[in-house]
Amino acid sequence: MNAFDTGIAIEPVEPGLMRGRTDPEWANMVGPFGGITAATLLHAVQSQPDCHGQPVALTVNFAAPVADGEFDIALRAARTNRTNQHWIVELTQDGETKTTATALFGLRRETWVSEEAVMPVVPAPEDVAVPGFPPQVRWTRNFEMLFVEGAVPQPESKPDPSSTTTLWMRNTPSRPIDFPALTAMCDLFYPRVYRRLGRVVPAGTISMNIYFLADQHQLDAVGGDFILGTAHANRFSLGYFDQSAEVFGRDGTLLATSQQIVYFKG
């Protein structure tokens, strides 16, 4: 199995309850990479026999670090309408809530199409060098990340007036993109405060929203190719900052957008 599929692997325990286990290949500074946790929760909903439609939106609240070992995912469809379905999801360990989520699934249909978001003009991934990541951040080995703008700050980095990072990304080893993989990639952006300050400070995502703007057919067209992500913050204040991101296919199709609220010290 691809490292990503191993990372999101879960099994049913009883109706409405799934069980998974953290994978050391996805370890972050504290607990697993948040993107793999979010992807696992979405995968859990997709695995339900009564799941209705495709992912449209996902909100994940990281209430506490997930410890190494087993975890349970309780989930239920709160309401199912003709075209959409609302899910409530909770990840626990030893009876303690670690992560909560809500997910919206819906039936896609052909409608009028207009796209206002424009993909940044950047070099092709084949023309971008690969920067280094701190070796202790283990989960980053599972992605190929080619920074066009705003690479991870180095010891010699200075404060920067821009919080923007733009990069090409894909799973490594390469695998066809699906909704769980797209979920994880929406969380690949290191905290924006690192770039502004030019150094690493304590920071972590508390809540993340993802809006899926592509359907499965459009993801199938991407296959295992690179996708482009760009993220920025709007304000840093009183211990928190926001982070907004857009993710595009190589052809310029907007696949997803995301928003986060992140705490920081600095």
C-alpha atoms as a PDB file:
ATOM      1  CA  MET A   1       0.000   0.000   0.000  1.00  0.00           C
ATOM      2  CA  ASN A   2       1.032   3.593  -0.597  1.00  0.00           C
ATOM      3  CA  ALA A   3       2.158   5.372   2.582  1.00  0.00           C
ATOM      4  CA  PHE A   4      -0.895   7.625   2.325  1.00  0.00           C
ATOM      5  CA  ASP A   5      -3.310   4.686   2.204  1.00  0.00           C
ATOM      6  CA  THR A   6      -1.571   3.159   5.209  1.00  0.00           C
ATOM      7  CA  GLY A   7      -1.869   6.469   7.043  1.00  0.00           C
ATOM      8  CA  ILE A   8      -5.658   6.678   6.630  1.00  0.00           C
ATOM      9  CA  ALA A   9      -6.382   2.972   7.124  1.00  0.00           C
ATOM     10  CA  ILE A  10      -9.382   2.252   9.383  1.00  0.00           C
ATOM     11  CA  GLU A  11     -11.609  -0.727  10.108  1.00  0.00           C
ATOM     12  CA  PRO A  12     -15.225  -1.031  11.253  1.00  0.00           C
ATOM     13  CA  VAL A  13     -15.896  -1.940  14.880  1.00  0.00           C
ATOM     14  CA  GLU A  14     -19.680  -1.639  14.851  1.00  0.00           C
ATOM     15  CA  PRO A  15     -22.218   0.495  12.975  1.00  0.00           C
ATOM     16  CA  GLY A  16     -21.163   4.134  13.320  1.00  0.00           C
ATOM     17  CA  LEU A  17     -17.782   3.315  14.855  1.00  0.00           C
ATOM     18  CA  MET A  18     -14.418   2.924  13.091  1.00  0.00           C
ATOM     19  CA  ARG A  19     -10.971   2.258  14.541  1.00  0.00           C
ATOM     20  CA  GLY A  20      -7.582   3.400  13.294  1.00  0.00           C
ATOM     21  CA  ARG A  21      -4.019   3.644  14.505  1.00  0.00           C
ATOM     22  CA  THR A  22      -1.441   6.379  14.183  1.00  0.00           C
ATOM     23  CA  ASP A  23       1.437   5.676  11.791  1.00  0.00           C
ATOM     24  CA  PRO A  24       4.963   6.842  12.705  1.00  0.00           C
ATOM     25  CA  GLU A  25       5.510   7.778   9.061  1.00  0.00           C
ATOM     26  CA  TRP A  26       3.054  10.645   9.607  1.00  0.00           C
ATOM     27  CA  ALA A  27       4.526  11.981  12.847  1.00  0.00           C
ATOM     28  CA  ASN A  28       4.683  15.743  13.301  1.00  0.00           C
ATOM     29  CA  MET A  29       6.229  17.847  16.059  1.00  0.00           C
ATOM     30  CA  VAL A  30       3.325  16.948  18.391  1.00  0.00           C
ATOM     31  CA  GLY A  31       1.127  14.038  17.339  1.00  0.00           C
ATOM     32  CA  PRO A  32       0.420  13.146  13.710  1.00  0.00           C
ATOM     33  CA  PHE A  33       0.265  15.653  10.830  1.00  0.00           C
ATOM     34  CA  GLY A  34      -3.140  17.331  11.006  1.00  0.00           C
ATOM     35  CA  GLY A  35      -3.767  16.766   7.310  1.00  0.00           C
ATOM     36  CA  ILE A  36      -3.609  12.980   7.709  1.00  0.00           C
ATOM     37  CA  THR A  37      -6.055  13.163  10.627  1.00  0.00           C
ATOM     38  CA  ALA A  38      -8.478  15.252   8.556  1.00  0.00           C
ATOM     39  CA  ALA A  39      -8.086  12.869   5.605  1.00  0.00           C
ATOM     40  CA  THR A  40      -8.809   9.891   7.870  1.00  0.00           C
ATOM     41  CA  LEU A  41     -12.029  11.470   9.128  1.00  0.00           C
ATOM     42  CA  LEU A  42     -13.206  12.136   5.571  1.00  0.00           C
ATOM     43  CA  HIS A  43     -12.256   8.590   4.583  1.00  0.00           C
ATOM     44  CA  ALA A  44     -14.302   7.288   7.522  1.00  0.00           C
ATOM     45  CA  VAL A  45     -17.413   9.042   6.206  1.00  0.00           C
ATOM     46  CA  GLN A  46     -16.796   7.788   2.680  1.00  0.00           C
ATOM     47  CA  SER A  47     -16.544   4.254   4.077  1.00  0.00           C
ATOM     48  CA  GLN A  48     -20.071   4.306   5.502  1.00  0.00           C
ATOM     49  CA  PRO A  49     -22.611   2.223   3.555  1.00  0.00           C
ATOM     50  CA  ASP A  50     -25.176   5.017   3.737  1.00  0.00           C
ATOM     51  CA  CYS A  51     -22.798   7.761   2.523  1.00  0.00           C
ATOM     52  CA  HIS A  52     -24.691   9.876   0.001  1.00  0.00           C
ATOM     53  CA  GLY A  53     -22.851  11.768  -2.757  1.00  0.00           C
ATOM     54  CA  GLN A  54     -19.341  13.232  -2.873  1.00  0.00           C
ATOM     55  CA  PRO A  55     -17.525  15.548  -0.421  1.00  0.00           C
ATOM     56  CA  VAL A  56     -18.524  19.203  -0.683  1.00  0.00           C
ATOM     57  CA  ALA A  57     -17.206  20.673   2.589  1.00  0.00           C
ATOM     58  CA  LEU A  58     -15.276  19.552   5.652  1.00  0.00           C
ATOM     59  CA  THR A  59     -14.666  21.338   8.960  1.00  0.00           C
ATOM     60  CA  VAL A  60     -12.133  19.842  11.367  1.00  0.00           C
ATOM     61  CA  ASN A  61     -11.508  21.099  14.910  1.00  0.00           C
ATOM     62  CA  PHE A  62      -8.244  19.929  16.468  1.00  0.00           C
ATOM     63  CA  ALA A  63      -9.214  19.880  20.137  1.00  0.00           C
ATOM     64  CA  ALA A  64      -6.100  18.112  21.485  1.00  0.00           C
ATOM     65  CA  PRO A  65      -3.047  16.281  20.111  1.00  0.00           C
ATOM     66  CA  VAL A  66      -3.675  12.714  18.983  1.00  0.00           C
ATOM     67  CA  ALA A  67      -1.384  10.388  20.945  1.00  0.00           C
ATOM     68  CA  ASP A  68       0.494   7.498  19.354  1.00  0.00           C
ATOM     69  CA  GLY A  69      -1.646   4.374  19.211  1.00  0.00           C
ATOM     70  CA  GLU A  70      -5.236   3.417  18.477  1.00  0.00           C
ATOM     71  CA  PHE A  71      -8.113   5.846  18.145  1.00  0.00           C
ATOM     72  CA  ASP A  72     -11.855   5.517  17.581  1.00  0.00           C
ATOM     73  CA  ILE A  73     -13.995   7.488  15.143  1.00  0.00           C
ATOM     74  CA  ALA A  74     -17.701   7.793  15.937  1.00  0.00           C
ATOM     75  CA  LEU A  75     -19.825   9.187  13.139  1.00  0.00           C
ATOM     76  CA  ARG A  76     -23.443   9.599  12.178  1.00  0.00           C
ATOM     77  CA  ALA A  77     -25.448  11.130   9.386  1.00  0.00           C
ATOM     78  CA  ALA A  78     -27.276  13.958  11.154  1.00  0.00           C
ATOM     79  CA  ARG A  79     -29.553  14.575   8.184  1.00  0.00           C
ATOM     80  CA  THR A  80     -29.925  13.327   4.622  1.00  0.00           C
ATOM     81  CA  ASN A  81     -31.820  15.399   2.069  1.00  0.00           C
ATOM     82  CA  ARG A  82     -32.480  14.707  -1.567  1.00  0.00           C
ATOM     83  CA  THR A  83     -29.211  16.303  -2.744  1.00  0.00           C
ATOM     84  CA  ASN A  84     -26.992  16.574   0.342  1.00  0.00           C
ATOM     85  CA  GLN A  85     -26.046  14.827   3.556  1.00  0.00           C
ATOM     86  CA  HIS A  86     -24.644  16.202   6.829  1.00  0.00           C
ATOM     87  CA  TRP A  87     -22.274  14.163   9.010  1.00  0.00           C
ATOM     88  CA  ILE A  88     -21.037  14.623  12.584  1.00  0.00           C
ATOM     89  CA  VAL A  89     -17.697  12.981  13.389  1.00  0.00           C
ATOM     90  CA  GLU A  90     -15.660  12.623  16.606  1.00  0.00           C
ATOM     91  CA  LEU A  91     -12.212  11.096  17.108  1.00  0.00           C
ATOM     92  CA  THR A  92     -11.482   9.869  20.639  1.00  0.00           C
ATOM     93  CA  GLN A  93      -8.745   8.063  22.550  1.00  0.00           C
ATOM     94  CA  ASP A  94      -9.524   6.390  25.884  1.00  0.00           C
ATOM     95  CA  GLY A  95     -12.827   8.230  25.975  1.00  0.00           C
ATOM     96  CA  GLU A  96     -11.218  11.652  25.500  1.00  0.00           C
ATOM     97  CA  THR A  97     -12.213  13.825  22.544  1.00  0.00           C
ATOM     98  CA  LYS A  98      -9.212  14.723  20.400  1.00  0.00           C
ATOM     99  CA  THR A  99     -10.789  15.930  17.142  1.00  0.00           C
ATOM    100  CA  THR A 100     -14.295  16.829  15.994  1.00  0.00           C
ATOM    101  CA  ALA A 101     -15.560  17.381  12.472  1.00  0.00           C
ATOM    102  CA  THR A 102     -18.594  18.019  10.349  1.00  0.00           C
ATOM    103  CA  ALA A 103     -18.773  16.936   6.730  1.00  0.00           C
ATOM    104  CA  LEU A 104     -21.152  17.892   3.944  1.00  0.00           C
ATOM    105  CA  PHE A 105     -21.629  15.459   1.061  1.00  0.00           C
ATOM    106  CA  GLY A 106     -23.771  16.159  -1.973  1.00  0.00           C
ATOM    107  CA  LEU A 107     -24.847  14.983  -5.391  1.00  0.00           C
ATOM    108  CA  ARG A 108     -23.077  16.866  -8.187  1.00  0.00           C
ATOM    109  CA  ARG A 109     -24.993  17.938 -11.269  1.00  0.00           C
ATOM    110  CA  GLU A 110     -24.241  19.891 -14.421  1.00  0.00           C
ATOM    111  CA  THR A 111     -24.837  23.648 -14.012  1.00  0.00           C
ATOM    112  CA  TRP A 112     -23.570  26.979 -15.311  1.00  0.00           C
ATOM    113  CA  VAL A 113     -19.826  27.279 -14.693  1.00  0.00           C
ATOM    114  CA  SER A 114     -17.717  30.387 -14.036  1.00  0.00           C
ATOM    115  CA  GLU A 115     -14.347  30.579 -12.305  1.00  0.00           C
ATOM    116  CA  GLU A 116     -13.073  33.877 -10.887  1.00  0.00           C
ATOM    117  CA  ALA A 117     -10.004  32.515  -9.111  1.00  0.00           C
ATOM    118  CA  VAL A 118      -6.916  32.586 -11.325  1.00  0.00           C
ATOM    119  CA  MET A 119      -4.001  30.228 -10.842  1.00  0.00           C
ATOM    120  CA  PRO A 120      -0.724  32.078 -10.226  1.00  0.00           C
ATOM    121  CA  VAL A 121       1.680  32.234 -13.168  1.00  0.00           C
ATOM    122  CA  VAL A 122       4.512  29.958 -12.059  1.00  0.00           C
ATOM    123  CA  PRO A 123       7.202  27.739 -13.588  1.00  0.00           C
ATOM    124  CA  ALA A 124       6.218  24.142 -14.310  1.00  0.00           C
ATOM    125  CA  PRO A 125       7.093  21.695 -11.528  1.00  0.00           C
ATOM    126  CA  GLU A 126       9.806  20.217 -13.745  1.00  0.00           C
ATOM    127  CA  ASP A 127      11.585  23.596 -13.560  1.00  0.00           C
ATOM    128  CA  VAL A 128      11.413  24.073  -9.775  1.00  0.00           C
ATOM    129  CA  ALA A 129      14.151  22.928  -7.367  1.00  0.00           C
ATOM    130  CA  VAL A 130      13.333  20.870  -4.284  1.00  0.00           C
ATOM    131  CA  PRO A 131      14.183  22.677  -1.010  1.00  0.00           C
ATOM    132  CA  GLY A 132      15.070  20.806   2.143  1.00  0.00           C
ATOM    133  CA  PHE A 133      12.730  20.238   5.095  1.00  0.00           C
ATOM    134  CA  PRO A 134      13.907  19.782   8.686  1.00  0.00           C
ATOM    135  CA  PRO A 135      14.643  16.041   8.967  1.00  0.00           C
ATOM    136  CA  GLN A 136      12.722  15.751  12.235  1.00  0.00           C
ATOM    137  CA  VAL A 137       9.440  16.581  10.448  1.00  0.00           C
ATOM    138  CA  ARG A 138       8.855  13.010   9.329  1.00  0.00           C
ATOM    139  CA  TRP A 139       5.498  13.344   7.573  1.00  0.00           C
ATOM    140  CA  THR A 140       6.936  15.679   4.920  1.00  0.00           C
ATOM    141  CA  ARG A 141       8.735  12.712   3.342  1.00  0.00           C
ATOM    142  CA  ASN A 142       5.356  11.493   2.069  1.00  0.00           C
ATOM    143  CA  PHE A 143       4.948  14.470  -0.275  1.00  0.00           C
ATOM    144  CA  GLU A 144       6.984  15.996  -3.042  1.00  0.00           C
ATOM    145  CA  MET A 145       6.827  19.740  -2.407  1.00  0.00           C
ATOM    146  CA  LEU A 146       8.416  22.141  -4.888  1.00  0.00           C
ATOM    147  CA  PHE A 147       8.369  25.699  -3.552  1.00  0.00           C
ATOM    148  CA  VAL A 148       7.902  28.461  -6.115  1.00  0.00           C
ATOM    149  CA  GLU A 149       7.591  31.178  -3.457  1.00  0.00           C
ATOM    150  CA  GLY A 150       7.923  31.285   0.308  1.00  0.00           C
ATOM    151  CA  ALA A 151       9.994  28.185   1.113  1.00  0.00           C
ATOM    152  CA  VAL A 152      10.439  27.043   4.708  1.00  0.00           C
ATOM    153  CA  PRO A 153      12.540  29.611   6.635  1.00  0.00           C
ATOM    154  CA  GLN A 154      16.187  28.692   7.164  1.00  0.00           C
ATOM    155  CA  PRO A 155      18.499  29.799  10.003  1.00  0.00           C
ATOM    156  CA  GLU A 156      19.697  32.722   7.892  1.00  0.00           C
ATOM    157  CA  SER A 157      16.164  33.851   6.935  1.00  0.00           C
ATOM    158  CA  LYS A 158      14.946  37.378   7.721  1.00  0.00           C
ATOM    159  CA  PRO A 159      11.412  38.641   8.449  1.00  0.00           C
ATOM    160  CA  ASP A 160       9.362  38.957   5.270  1.00  0.00           C
ATOM    161  CA  PRO A 161       6.558  41.445   4.505  1.00  0.00           C
ATOM    162  CA  SER A 162       4.657  38.702   2.628  1.00  0.00           C
ATOM    163  CA  SER A 163       3.044  35.641   4.179  1.00  0.00           C
ATOM    164  CA  THR A 164       2.398  33.953   0.807  1.00  0.00           C
ATOM    165  CA  THR A 165       3.700  30.506  -0.052  1.00  0.00           C
ATOM    166  CA  THR A 166       3.124  28.874  -3.443  1.00  0.00           C
ATOM    167  CA  LEU A 167       4.218  25.329  -4.226  1.00  0.00           C
ATOM    168  CA  TRP A 168       3.677  22.329  -6.460  1.00  0.00           C
ATOM    169  CA  MET A 169       2.798  19.176  -4.516  1.00  0.00           C
ATOM    170  CA  ARG A 170       1.927  15.519  -4.922  1.00  0.00           C
ATOM    171  CA  ASN A 171       2.068  12.295  -2.945  1.00  0.00           C
ATOM    172  CA  THR A 172       5.293  10.331  -2.960  1.00  0.00           C
ATOM    173  CA  PRO A 173       5.270   7.607  -4.072  1.00  0.00           C
ATOM    174  CA  SER A 174       2.879   9.082  -6.610  1.00  0.00           C
ATOM    175  CA  ARG A 175      -0.762   7.963  -6.391  1.00  0.00           C
ATOM    176  CA  PRO A 176      -3.941   9.175  -8.104  1.00  0.00           C
ATOM    177  CA  ILE A 177      -5.441  12.054  -6.158  1.00  0.00           C
ATOM    178  CA  ASP A 178      -8.765  11.504  -4.415  1.00  0.00           C
ATOM    179  CA  PHE A 179     -10.734  13.477  -1.836  1.00  0.00           C
ATOM    180  CA  PRO A 180      -8.765  12.272   1.218  1.00  0.00           C
ATOM    181  CA  ALA A 181      -5.463  13.103  -0.512  1.00  0.00           C
ATOM    182  CA  LEU A 182      -6.791  16.526  -1.538  1.00  0.00           C
ATOM    183  CA  THR A 183      -7.835  17.074   2.093  1.00  0.00           C
ATOM    184  CA  ALA A 184      -4.308  16.392   3.326  1.00  0.00           C
ATOM    185  CA  MET A 185      -2.757  18.627   0.659  1.00  0.00           C
ATOM    186  CA  CYS A 186      -4.939  21.535   1.771  1.00  0.00           C
ATOM    187  CA  ASP A 187      -2.963  21.376   5.045  1.00  0.00           C
ATOM    188  CA  LEU A 188       0.562  21.202   3.559  1.00  0.00           C
ATOM    189  CA  PHE A 189       1.283  24.889   4.162  1.00  0.00           C
ATOM    190  CA  TYR A 190       3.522  25.555   7.159  1.00  0.00           C
ATOM    191  CA  PRO A 191       2.210  28.284   9.521  1.00  0.00           C
ATOM    192  CA  ARG A 192       2.270  31.676   7.788  1.00  0.00           C
ATOM    193  CA  VAL A 193       3.780  33.328  10.858  1.00  0.00           C
ATOM    194  CA  TYR A 194       7.032  31.445  10.180  1.00  0.00           C
ATOM    195  CA  ARG A 195       7.522  33.354   6.942  1.00  0.00           C
ATOM    196  CA  ARG A 196       6.583  36.735   8.365  1.00  0.00           C
ATOM    197  CA  LEU A 197       8.995  36.347  11.287  1.00  0.00           C
ATOM    198  CA  GLY A 198      11.638  34.436   9.329  1.00  0.00           C
ATOM    199  CA  ARG A 199      11.809  31.807  12.052  1.00  0.00           C
ATOM    200  CA  VAL A 200       9.891  28.949  13.623  1.00  0.00           C
ATOM    201  CA  VAL A 201       7.721  29.780  16.652  1.00  0.00           C
ATOM    202  CA  PRO A 202       5.151  27.657  18.519  1.00  0.00           C
ATOM    203  CA  ALA A 203       2.040  27.495  16.306  1.00  0.00           C
ATOM    204  CA  GLY A 204      -0.708  25.062  15.423  1.00  0.00           C
ATOM    205  CA  THR A 205      -4.008  24.861  13.548  1.00  0.00           C
ATOM    206  CA  ILE A 206      -7.097  24.816  15.759  1.00  0.00           C
ATOM    207  CA  SER A 207      -9.812  24.696  13.100  1.00  0.00           C
ATOM    208  CA  MET A 208      -9.734  24.082   9.347  1.00  0.00           C
ATOM    209  CA  ASN A 209     -12.429  24.389   6.676  1.00  0.00           C
ATOM    210  CA  ILE A 210     -12.078  22.817   3.228  1.00  0.00           C
ATOM    211  CA  TYR A 211     -14.460  23.448   0.333  1.00  0.00           C
ATOM    212  CA  PHE A 212     -14.232  20.873  -2.447  1.00  0.00           C
ATOM    213  CA  LEU A 213     -14.956  22.557  -5.775  1.00  0.00           C
ATOM    214  CA  ALA A 214     -14.100  19.600  -8.032  1.00  0.00           C
ATOM    215  CA  ASP A 215     -15.939  16.318  -8.441  1.00  0.00           C
ATOM    216  CA  GLN A 216     -14.410  12.860  -8.722  1.00  0.00           C
ATOM    217  CA  HIS A 217     -14.286  13.089 -12.517  1.00  0.00           C
ATOM    218  CA  GLN A 218     -12.109  16.226 -12.319  1.00  0.00           C
ATOM    219  CA  LEU A 219      -9.839  14.598  -9.739  1.00  0.00           C
ATOM    220  CA  ASP A 220      -9.498  11.556 -11.989  1.00  0.00           C
ATOM    221  CA  ALA A 221      -8.288  13.911 -14.732  1.00  0.00           C
ATOM    222  CA  VAL A 222      -5.465  15.071 -12.435  1.00  0.00           C
ATOM    223  CA  GLY A 223      -4.363  11.502 -11.741  1.00  0.00           C
ATOM    224  CA  GLY A 224      -1.011  11.395  -9.956  1.00  0.00           C
ATOM    225  CA  ASP A 225       0.189  14.710 -11.373  1.00  0.00           C
ATOM    226  CA  PHE A 226       1.296  17.733  -9.368  1.00  0.00           C
ATOM    227  CA  ILE A 227      -1.253  20.230  -8.096  1.00  0.00           C
ATOM    228  CA  LEU A 228      -0.470  23.848  -7.192  1.00  0.00           C
ATOM    229  CA  GLY A 229      -1.257  25.365  -3.811  1.00  0.00           C
ATOM    230  CA  THR A 230      -0.972  28.965  -2.669  1.00  0.00           C
ATOM    231  CA  ALA A 231      -1.669  30.264   0.845  1.00  0.00           C
ATOM    232  CA  HIS A 232      -1.525  33.538   2.729  1.00  0.00           C
ATOM    233  CA  ALA A 233      -2.680  35.138   5.978  1.00  0.00           C
ATOM    234  CA  ASN A 234      -4.739  38.299   6.433  1.00  0.00           C
ATOM    235  CA  ARG A 235      -3.999  39.279  10.043  1.00  0.00           C
ATOM    236  CA  PHE A 236      -1.811  38.223  12.949  1.00  0.00           C
ATOM    237  CA  SER A 237      -3.212  39.437  16.271  1.00  0.00           C
ATOM    238  CA  LEU A 238      -3.670  38.470  19.915  1.00  0.00           C
ATOM    239  CA  GLY A 239      -2.232  34.991  19.546  1.00  0.00           C
ATOM    240  CA  TYR A 240      -4.120  33.924  16.416  1.00  0.00           C
ATOM    241  CA  PHE A 241      -3.939  34.333  12.655  1.00  0.00           C
ATOM    242  CA  ASP A 242      -6.045  33.164   9.736  1.00  0.00           C
ATOM    243  CA  GLN A 243      -4.698  31.240   6.755  1.00  0.00           C
ATOM    244  CA  SER A 244      -6.432  31.023   3.368  1.00  0.00           C
ATOM    245  CA  ALA A 245      -5.431  28.694   0.546  1.00  0.00           C
ATOM    246  CA  GLU A 246      -6.372  27.774  -3.010  1.00  0.00           C
ATOM    247  CA  VAL A 247      -5.436  24.526  -4.740  1.00  0.00           C
ATOM    248  CA  PHE A 248      -5.362  24.220  -8.542  1.00  0.00           C
ATOM    249  CA  GLY A 249      -4.843  21.457 -11.065  1.00  0.00           C
ATOM    250  CA  ARG A 250      -2.018  21.947 -13.551  1.00  0.00           C
ATOM    251  CA  ASP A 251      -4.615  23.075 -16.131  1.00  0.00           C
ATOM    252  CA  GLY A 252      -5.769  25.920 -13.853  1.00  0.00           C
ATOM    253  CA  THR A 253      -8.933  24.259 -12.538  1.00  0.00           C
ATOM    254  CA  LEU A 254      -9.653  25.326  -8.948  1.00  0.00           C
ATOM    255  CA  LEU A 255      -9.965  22.060  -7.038  1.00  0.00           C
ATOM    256  CA  ALA A 256     -10.470  23.300  -3.472  1.00  0.00           C
ATOM    257  CA  THR A 257     -10.155  26.249  -1.117  1.00  0.00           C
ATOM    258  CA  SER A 258      -9.419  26.172   2.597  1.00  0.00           C
ATOM    259  CA  GLN A 259      -9.373  28.448   5.609  1.00  0.00           C
ATOM    260  CA  GLN A 260      -7.702  27.902   8.964  1.00  0.00           C
ATOM    261  CA  ILE A 261      -7.476  29.629  12.311  1.00  0.00           C
ATOM    262  CA  VAL A 262      -4.043  29.105  13.865  1.00  0.00           C
ATOM    263  CA  TYR A 263      -2.702  29.950  17.312  1.00  0.00           C
ATOM    264  CA  PHE A 264       0.854  31.189  17.697  1.00  0.00           C
ATOM    265  CA  LYS A 265       3.329  32.558  20.226  1.00  0.00           C
ATOM    266  CA  GLY A 266       5.755  35.203  19.133  1.00  0.00           C
END
